[in-house]
Amino acid sequence: MPYEVMRSRVHPMSAPTLPRTALPPTASASRTTRLDWRLRFAFLSVIWGFSFLLIKVGTQGYAPFQVALGRVLFGALALLTVLLVRREPLPRGRRIWGHLAVAALLLNTAPFSLFSYAELSIPSSLAGICNATSPLWGMALSLVALSEDRPTRRRFAGLGLGFLGVLTVLGAWQGFSGIDPKGTALALLASLCYPVGWIYVRRTLAATPSSPVALTGAQLLLSTGQLLLVSAVFTTAPASFPLWPTLSVVALGALGTGLALQMQYGLVAEVGPTTAQMVTYFIPVIATTAGVLLLGEHLHWNTPLGAAIVLAGAALSQTRPSGSPERRRADRPKLPGRFRRRVQG
């Protein structure tokens, strides 16, 4: 989800070399470190898994565009607070801000609005499962748009398996009965927006010297402006601010968008992108569990089975042989561009 959104801009930093006296004296210290990132990994999975429940609750009190607006607004405020504490500036340059405006549309404004509209008519658990198809869309698009991503039998098998999983979730053999086609199409379209945005960001902003937090904060600010305009045109100001929908929107933005992204950057820096991106596969499981237990959503046997097939296909399409050059490059720690230039200069 959001990690994939920023994947092409996150450059894992190698750990600083410590003097021998500063190394942990016992194995227990290293176990504590591992436990620490695993706890944060679990917390991140829960936050993003509950996002779809929070969207559902938010739409009970606000229009979908307003839910999306609150999400990016409070997410931007959270990241701007981090930048203020760090005394780190926002990116500079009209070209960068122009590219960020397009990225905000593709990665925040459009998918957040589409998911909000989708959950007016489909369960939050189904929206979470549709979100899990995003790596499959990304793989299919990258084969066309990115020359360095070569088609392989493994990737094609993963894509086919994922498509089979989507048909299983939707109950294709029953004529898609019981599934709202419009809401499901909107959720799938939202998941398609992410890889389109990733490819655009990879082509235009991958070499930008600003930090991921600064880029994302600016991106959310631009998305806030876009959604303010759209909300002013297509919705009316809310007459009241009901408690639970309001709290849901605030949590969705501050935690699910702001804090979660900041936490994800730390995981990428500590354990690398290959491990950190595995959080994507826990999101639909948590979203489905939350929807069933807390919202009373009905769960048919084909939904969890189809979700498992989708996740298996996504995992298969993303894996590479352990000894391949692509795998070695993906797992190799790298300094951000601005630090690398300083070292080489």
Protein backbone atom coordinates (compact mmCIF):
# COMPACT_ATOMS: atom_id res chain seq x y z
CA MET A 1 0.00 0.00 0.00
CA PRO A 2 1.70 3.28 1.16
CA TYR A 3 5.11 1.55 1.26
CA GLU A 4 4.65 0.60 -2.34
CA VAL A 5 3.57 4.14 -3.03
CA MET A 6 6.92 5.46 -1.87
CA ARG A 7 8.99 2.42 -2.77
CA SER A 8 10.89 4.04 -5.59
CA ARG A 9 11.86 6.96 -3.38
CA VAL A 10 12.98 5.05 -0.31
CA HIS A 11 16.68 4.37 -0.33
CA PRO A 12 17.67 2.11 2.56
CA MET A 13 20.57 3.56 4.50
CA SER A 14 23.39 1.36 5.58
CA ALA A 15 24.01 1.25 9.31
CA PRO A 16 26.85 3.48 10.49
CA THR A 17 30.07 1.74 11.36
CA LEU A 18 30.43 1.65 15.12
CA PRO A 19 33.66 1.36 17.09
CA ARG A 20 34.26 -2.03 18.60
CA THR A 21 33.52 -0.79 22.10
CA ALA A 22 30.07 0.30 20.97
CA LEU A 23 29.02 -3.10 19.67
CA PRO A 24 26.40 -5.00 21.69
CA PRO A 25 28.27 -7.13 24.24
CA THR A 26 25.70 -9.91 24.33
CA ALA A 27 23.33 -11.67 22.03
CA SER A 28 20.40 -10.48 24.12
CA ALA A 29 20.87 -6.95 22.84
CA SER A 30 20.56 -8.10 19.24
CA ARG A 31 17.44 -10.07 20.13
CA THR A 32 15.96 -6.92 21.60
CA THR A 33 16.66 -5.07 18.35
CA ARG A 34 15.01 -7.80 16.30
CA LEU A 35 12.00 -7.83 18.60
CA ASP A 36 11.76 -4.06 18.25
CA TRP A 37 11.42 -4.07 14.45
CA ARG A 38 9.07 -7.03 14.54
CA LEU A 39 6.79 -5.19 16.94
CA ARG A 40 6.82 -2.15 14.69
CA PHE A 41 6.17 -4.39 11.68
CA ALA A 42 3.14 -5.89 13.45
CA PHE A 43 1.89 -2.47 14.50
CA LEU A 44 2.22 -1.18 10.95
CA SER A 45 0.28 -4.16 9.62
CA VAL A 46 -2.53 -3.47 12.09
CA ILE A 47 -2.66 0.24 11.27
CA TRP A 48 -2.92 -0.32 7.52
CA GLY A 49 -5.24 -3.31 7.94
CA PHE A 50 -7.65 -1.21 10.02
CA SER A 51 -7.58 1.62 7.45
CA PHE A 52 -10.44 0.07 5.51
CA LEU A 53 -12.58 -0.22 8.65
CA LEU A 54 -11.84 3.44 9.42
CA ILE A 55 -12.88 4.43 5.89
CA LYS A 56 -16.16 2.56 6.32
CA VAL A 57 -16.90 4.28 9.63
CA GLY A 58 -15.84 7.65 8.24
CA THR A 59 -18.29 7.43 5.33
CA GLN A 60 -21.14 7.02 7.83
CA GLY A 61 -20.75 10.67 8.78
CA TYR A 62 -19.01 12.34 5.85
CA ALA A 63 -19.04 12.32 2.06
CA PRO A 64 -16.34 10.14 0.44
CA PHE A 65 -14.39 13.16 -0.83
CA GLN A 66 -14.43 14.58 2.70
CA VAL A 67 -13.10 11.33 4.16
CA ALA A 68 -10.25 11.40 1.64
CA LEU A 69 -9.63 15.08 2.43
CA GLY A 70 -9.41 14.44 6.16
CA ARG A 71 -7.05 11.54 5.53
CA VAL A 72 -4.48 13.56 3.56
CA LEU A 73 -4.91 16.64 5.75
CA PHE A 74 -4.11 14.90 9.03
CA GLY A 75 -1.44 12.80 7.34
CA ALA A 76 0.23 15.96 6.06
CA LEU A 77 0.05 17.58 9.50
CA ALA A 78 1.72 14.52 11.05
CA LEU A 79 4.61 14.52 8.58
CA LEU A 80 5.03 18.30 8.70
CA THR A 81 5.38 17.98 12.46
CA VAL A 82 8.20 15.49 11.93
CA LEU A 83 9.90 17.85 9.48
CA LEU A 84 9.51 20.73 11.93
CA VAL A 85 11.14 18.73 14.74
CA ARG A 86 13.98 17.74 12.41
CA ARG A 87 14.23 21.28 11.03
CA GLU A 88 14.13 19.78 7.57
CA PRO A 89 12.76 21.87 4.67
CA LEU A 90 10.23 20.83 2.07
CA PRO A 91 11.50 20.12 -1.46
CA ARG A 92 12.35 23.11 -3.64
CA GLY A 93 11.89 23.75 -7.33
CA ARG A 94 8.85 24.13 -9.55
CA ARG A 95 9.72 21.01 -11.51
CA ILE A 96 9.75 18.85 -8.38
CA TRP A 97 6.48 20.32 -7.13
CA GLY A 98 4.92 19.80 -10.54
CA HIS A 99 5.85 16.12 -10.50
CA LEU A 100 4.67 15.84 -6.90
CA ALA A 101 1.27 17.28 -7.90
CA VAL A 102 0.84 14.47 -10.43
CA ALA A 103 2.05 11.92 -7.88
CA ALA A 104 -0.43 13.30 -5.32
CA LEU A 105 -3.27 12.84 -7.80
CA LEU A 106 -2.28 9.27 -8.70
CA LEU A 107 -1.20 8.04 -5.27
CA ASN A 108 -3.44 9.90 -2.84
CA THR A 109 -6.31 11.96 -4.25
CA ALA A 110 -7.66 9.41 -6.72
CA PRO A 111 -7.21 6.09 -4.81
CA PHE A 112 -8.28 7.49 -1.42
CA SER A 113 -11.45 8.94 -2.98
CA LEU A 114 -12.18 5.76 -4.96
CA PHE A 115 -11.83 3.53 -1.89
CA SER A 116 -14.14 5.84 0.06
CA TYR A 117 -16.78 5.71 -2.66
CA ALA A 118 -16.34 1.95 -3.04
CA GLU A 119 -17.03 1.31 0.64
CA LEU A 120 -20.43 2.94 0.35
CA SER A 121 -21.59 -0.29 -1.29
CA ILE A 122 -19.03 -3.03 -0.53
CA PRO A 123 -17.69 -4.40 2.78
CA SER A 124 -14.42 -3.05 4.12
CA SER A 125 -13.02 -6.59 3.98
CA LEU A 126 -13.60 -6.76 0.21
CA ALA A 127 -11.95 -3.35 -0.22
CA GLY A 128 -8.89 -4.63 1.66
CA ILE A 129 -8.70 -7.68 -0.58
CA CYS A 130 -9.01 -5.53 -3.72
CA ASN A 131 -6.11 -3.47 -2.41
CA ALA A 132 -4.01 -6.65 -2.33
CA THR A 133 -4.25 -6.84 -6.13
CA SER A 134 -2.07 -3.74 -6.44
CA PRO A 135 1.24 -5.69 -6.76
CA LEU A 136 -0.33 -7.69 -9.58
CA TRP A 137 -1.34 -4.55 -11.45
CA GLY A 138 2.13 -3.19 -10.83
CA MET A 139 3.83 -6.26 -12.21
CA ALA A 140 1.69 -6.20 -15.35
CA LEU A 141 2.31 -2.50 -15.95
CA SER A 142 6.04 -2.66 -15.21
CA LEU A 143 6.53 -5.29 -17.90
CA VAL A 144 5.29 -2.72 -20.40
CA ALA A 145 6.49 0.58 -18.93
CA LEU A 146 9.82 -0.35 -17.35
CA SER A 147 12.41 -1.86 -19.66
CA GLU A 148 14.48 -3.22 -16.78
CA ASP A 149 11.62 -5.49 -15.62
CA ARG A 150 11.80 -8.52 -17.88
CA PRO A 151 8.86 -10.93 -18.18
CA THR A 152 9.53 -14.36 -16.70
CA ARG A 153 7.53 -17.53 -16.34
CA ARG A 154 7.38 -16.97 -12.60
CA ARG A 155 5.87 -13.51 -13.01
CA PHE A 156 3.35 -14.61 -15.59
CA ALA A 157 2.35 -17.51 -13.34
CA GLY A 158 1.91 -15.11 -10.42
CA LEU A 159 -0.24 -12.80 -12.53
CA GLY A 160 -2.44 -15.66 -13.68
CA LEU A 161 -2.76 -17.02 -10.15
CA GLY A 162 -3.70 -13.60 -8.82
CA PHE A 163 -6.36 -13.17 -11.49
CA LEU A 164 -7.78 -16.55 -10.51
CA GLY A 165 -7.89 -15.37 -6.90
CA VAL A 166 -9.85 -12.25 -7.86
CA LEU A 167 -12.40 -14.40 -9.70
CA THR A 168 -12.65 -16.62 -6.62
CA VAL A 169 -13.26 -13.66 -4.30
CA LEU A 170 -15.97 -12.31 -6.60
CA GLY A 171 -17.65 -15.73 -7.00
CA ALA A 172 -17.40 -15.80 -10.81
CA TRP A 173 -19.01 -19.27 -11.04
CA GLN A 174 -22.15 -17.78 -9.42
CA GLY A 175 -22.36 -14.89 -11.86
CA PHE A 176 -20.87 -12.47 -9.30
CA SER A 177 -24.10 -12.61 -7.30
CA GLY A 178 -24.09 -10.73 -4.01
CA ILE A 179 -21.21 -8.46 -5.10
CA ASP A 180 -21.87 -4.84 -5.98
CA PRO A 181 -20.14 -4.46 -9.36
CA LYS A 182 -19.76 -0.68 -9.19
CA GLY A 183 -18.20 -0.63 -5.73
CA THR A 184 -15.88 -3.52 -6.57
CA ALA A 185 -14.80 -1.86 -9.82
CA LEU A 186 -14.02 1.36 -7.94
CA ALA A 187 -11.90 -0.53 -5.38
CA LEU A 188 -9.98 -2.35 -8.14
CA LEU A 189 -9.50 0.94 -9.99
CA ALA A 190 -8.12 2.46 -6.77
CA SER A 191 -5.61 -0.37 -6.48
CA LEU A 192 -4.61 0.22 -10.12
CA CYS A 193 -3.86 3.90 -9.38
CA TYR A 194 -0.97 2.94 -7.10
CA PRO A 195 1.28 1.17 -9.64
CA VAL A 196 0.57 3.88 -12.24
CA GLY A 197 1.77 6.39 -9.67
CA TRP A 198 4.80 4.27 -8.72
CA ILE A 199 5.96 4.14 -12.33
CA TYR A 200 5.50 7.89 -12.72
CA VAL A 201 7.43 8.58 -9.51
CA ARG A 202 10.17 6.16 -10.49
CA ARG A 203 10.65 7.95 -13.79
CA THR A 204 10.47 11.52 -12.46
CA LEU A 205 11.39 11.74 -8.77
CA ALA A 206 13.69 8.81 -8.01
CA ALA A 207 16.82 11.00 -8.11
CA THR A 208 15.36 13.88 -6.08
CA PRO A 209 17.74 14.73 -3.21
CA SER A 210 15.01 15.47 -0.62
CA SER A 211 14.21 12.86 2.01
CA PRO A 212 11.20 10.54 1.63
CA VAL A 213 9.47 12.28 4.55
CA ALA A 214 9.86 15.70 2.93
CA LEU A 215 8.65 14.42 -0.45
CA THR A 216 5.66 12.65 1.07
CA GLY A 217 4.76 15.65 3.24
CA ALA A 218 4.78 17.90 0.18
CA GLN A 219 2.80 15.33 -1.78
CA LEU A 220 0.12 15.15 0.92
CA LEU A 221 -0.04 18.95 1.07
CA LEU A 222 -0.73 19.04 -2.67
CA SER A 223 -3.32 16.29 -2.35
CA THR A 224 -5.01 18.30 0.42
CA GLY A 225 -5.30 21.26 -1.95
CA GLN A 226 -6.69 19.04 -4.71
CA LEU A 227 -9.31 17.49 -2.45
CA LEU A 228 -10.26 20.85 -0.94
CA LEU A 229 -11.10 22.04 -4.44
CA VAL A 230 -12.98 18.86 -5.37
CA SER A 231 -14.90 18.80 -2.08
CA ALA A 232 -15.91 22.45 -2.47
CA VAL A 233 -17.32 21.74 -5.93
CA PHE A 234 -19.03 18.38 -5.41
CA THR A 235 -20.01 18.31 -1.71
CA THR A 236 -21.52 20.60 0.88
CA ALA A 237 -19.93 21.43 4.20
CA PRO A 238 -20.89 18.92 6.92
CA ALA A 239 -23.69 20.14 9.19
CA SER A 240 -22.30 18.25 12.17
CA PHE A 241 -19.19 16.38 13.27
CA PRO A 242 -20.30 12.99 14.64
CA LEU A 243 -17.85 11.53 17.13
CA TRP A 244 -16.91 8.12 15.72
CA PRO A 245 -16.69 9.11 12.04
CA THR A 246 -14.60 12.14 13.02
CA LEU A 247 -12.24 10.08 15.17
CA SER A 248 -11.98 7.52 12.37
CA VAL A 249 -10.94 10.14 9.81
CA VAL A 250 -8.40 11.69 12.19
CA ALA A 251 -6.91 8.28 12.98
CA LEU A 252 -6.93 7.33 9.30
CA GLY A 253 -4.84 10.38 8.47
CA ALA A 254 -2.58 10.85 11.48
CA LEU A 255 -1.90 7.16 12.09
CA GLY A 256 -2.70 5.31 8.87
CA THR A 257 -1.06 7.85 6.57
CA GLY A 258 1.33 10.02 8.59
CA LEU A 259 2.74 7.84 11.39
CA ALA A 260 2.59 4.66 9.30
CA LEU A 261 4.72 6.10 6.50
CA GLN A 262 7.27 7.42 8.96
CA MET A 263 7.41 3.99 10.63
CA GLN A 264 7.76 2.29 7.26
CA TYR A 265 10.80 4.41 6.36
CA GLY A 266 12.44 3.26 9.58
CA LEU A 267 11.74 -0.39 8.76
CA VAL A 268 13.19 -0.03 5.26
CA ALA A 269 16.33 1.54 6.69
CA GLU A 270 16.69 -1.17 9.35
CA VAL A 271 15.70 -4.43 7.65
CA GLY A 272 15.68 -3.50 3.96
CA PRO A 273 12.88 -3.15 1.41
CA THR A 274 12.44 -6.88 0.75
CA THR A 275 11.41 -7.62 4.32
CA ALA A 276 9.59 -4.34 4.88
CA GLN A 277 7.32 -4.73 1.85
CA MET A 278 5.97 -8.03 3.24
CA VAL A 279 3.59 -5.92 5.33
CA THR A 280 1.46 -5.73 2.16
CA TYR A 281 0.49 -9.38 2.55
CA PHE A 282 -0.88 -8.97 6.09
CA ILE A 283 -3.19 -6.04 5.27
CA PRO A 284 -6.11 -7.99 3.71
CA VAL A 285 -6.02 -10.55 6.52
CA ILE A 286 -6.34 -7.85 9.17
CA ALA A 287 -8.89 -5.88 7.12
CA THR A 288 -11.08 -8.97 6.76
CA THR A 289 -10.79 -9.90 10.45
CA ALA A 290 -11.61 -6.34 11.56
CA GLY A 291 -14.60 -6.09 9.24
CA VAL A 292 -16.09 -9.39 10.40
CA LEU A 293 -15.48 -8.95 14.14
CA LEU A 294 -16.12 -5.22 14.57
CA LEU A 295 -18.55 -4.35 11.78
CA GLY A 296 -20.41 -7.64 11.55
CA GLU A 297 -19.64 -8.10 7.87
CA HIS A 298 -20.55 -11.47 6.39
CA LEU A 299 -17.76 -13.71 5.19
CA HIS A 300 -18.33 -16.47 2.65
CA TRP A 301 -15.91 -19.33 2.16
CA ASN A 302 -14.72 -18.06 -1.23
CA THR A 303 -13.59 -14.69 0.18
CA PRO A 304 -10.69 -15.89 2.38
CA LEU A 305 -9.79 -18.59 -0.14
CA GLY A 306 -9.67 -16.08 -2.97
CA ALA A 307 -7.69 -13.65 -0.84
CA ALA A 308 -5.10 -16.34 -0.12
CA ILE A 309 -4.81 -17.09 -3.85
CA VAL A 310 -4.41 -13.37 -4.63
CA LEU A 311 -1.65 -13.02 -2.05
CA ALA A 312 0.10 -16.13 -3.33
CA GLY A 313 0.00 -14.76 -6.86
CA ALA A 314 1.29 -11.36 -5.73
CA ALA A 315 4.13 -12.98 -3.79
CA LEU A 316 5.04 -15.22 -6.72
CA SER A 317 5.07 -12.32 -9.17
CA GLN A 318 7.37 -10.27 -6.92
CA THR A 319 9.94 -12.95 -6.09
CA ARG A 320 13.21 -13.43 -7.95
CA PRO A 321 15.72 -16.26 -7.82
CA SER A 322 17.90 -15.82 -4.74
CA GLY A 323 21.11 -15.57 -6.74
CA SER A 324 19.88 -13.23 -9.47
CA PRO A 325 21.57 -9.85 -10.00
CA GLU A 326 18.20 -8.13 -9.55
CA ARG A 327 17.73 -9.75 -6.15
CA ARG A 328 21.24 -8.81 -5.05
CA ARG A 329 20.69 -5.21 -6.12
CA ALA A 330 17.31 -5.05 -4.34
CA ASP A 331 18.76 -6.29 -1.04
CA ARG A 332 21.99 -4.27 -1.16
CA PRO A 333 21.95 -1.31 1.26
CA LYS A 334 22.44 2.03 -0.45
CA LEU A 335 22.99 5.54 0.77
CA PRO A 336 20.55 8.22 -0.34
CA GLY A 337 21.72 10.08 -3.43
CA ARG A 338 22.82 13.23 -1.65
CA PHE A 339 25.00 11.26 0.82
CA ARG A 340 26.42 9.08 -1.95
CA ARG A 341 27.52 12.15 -3.89
CA ARG A 342 29.27 13.53 -0.81
CA VAL A 343 31.18 10.29 -0.30
CA GLN A 344 32.19 10.05 -3.94
CA GLY A 345 33.11 13.75 -4.09
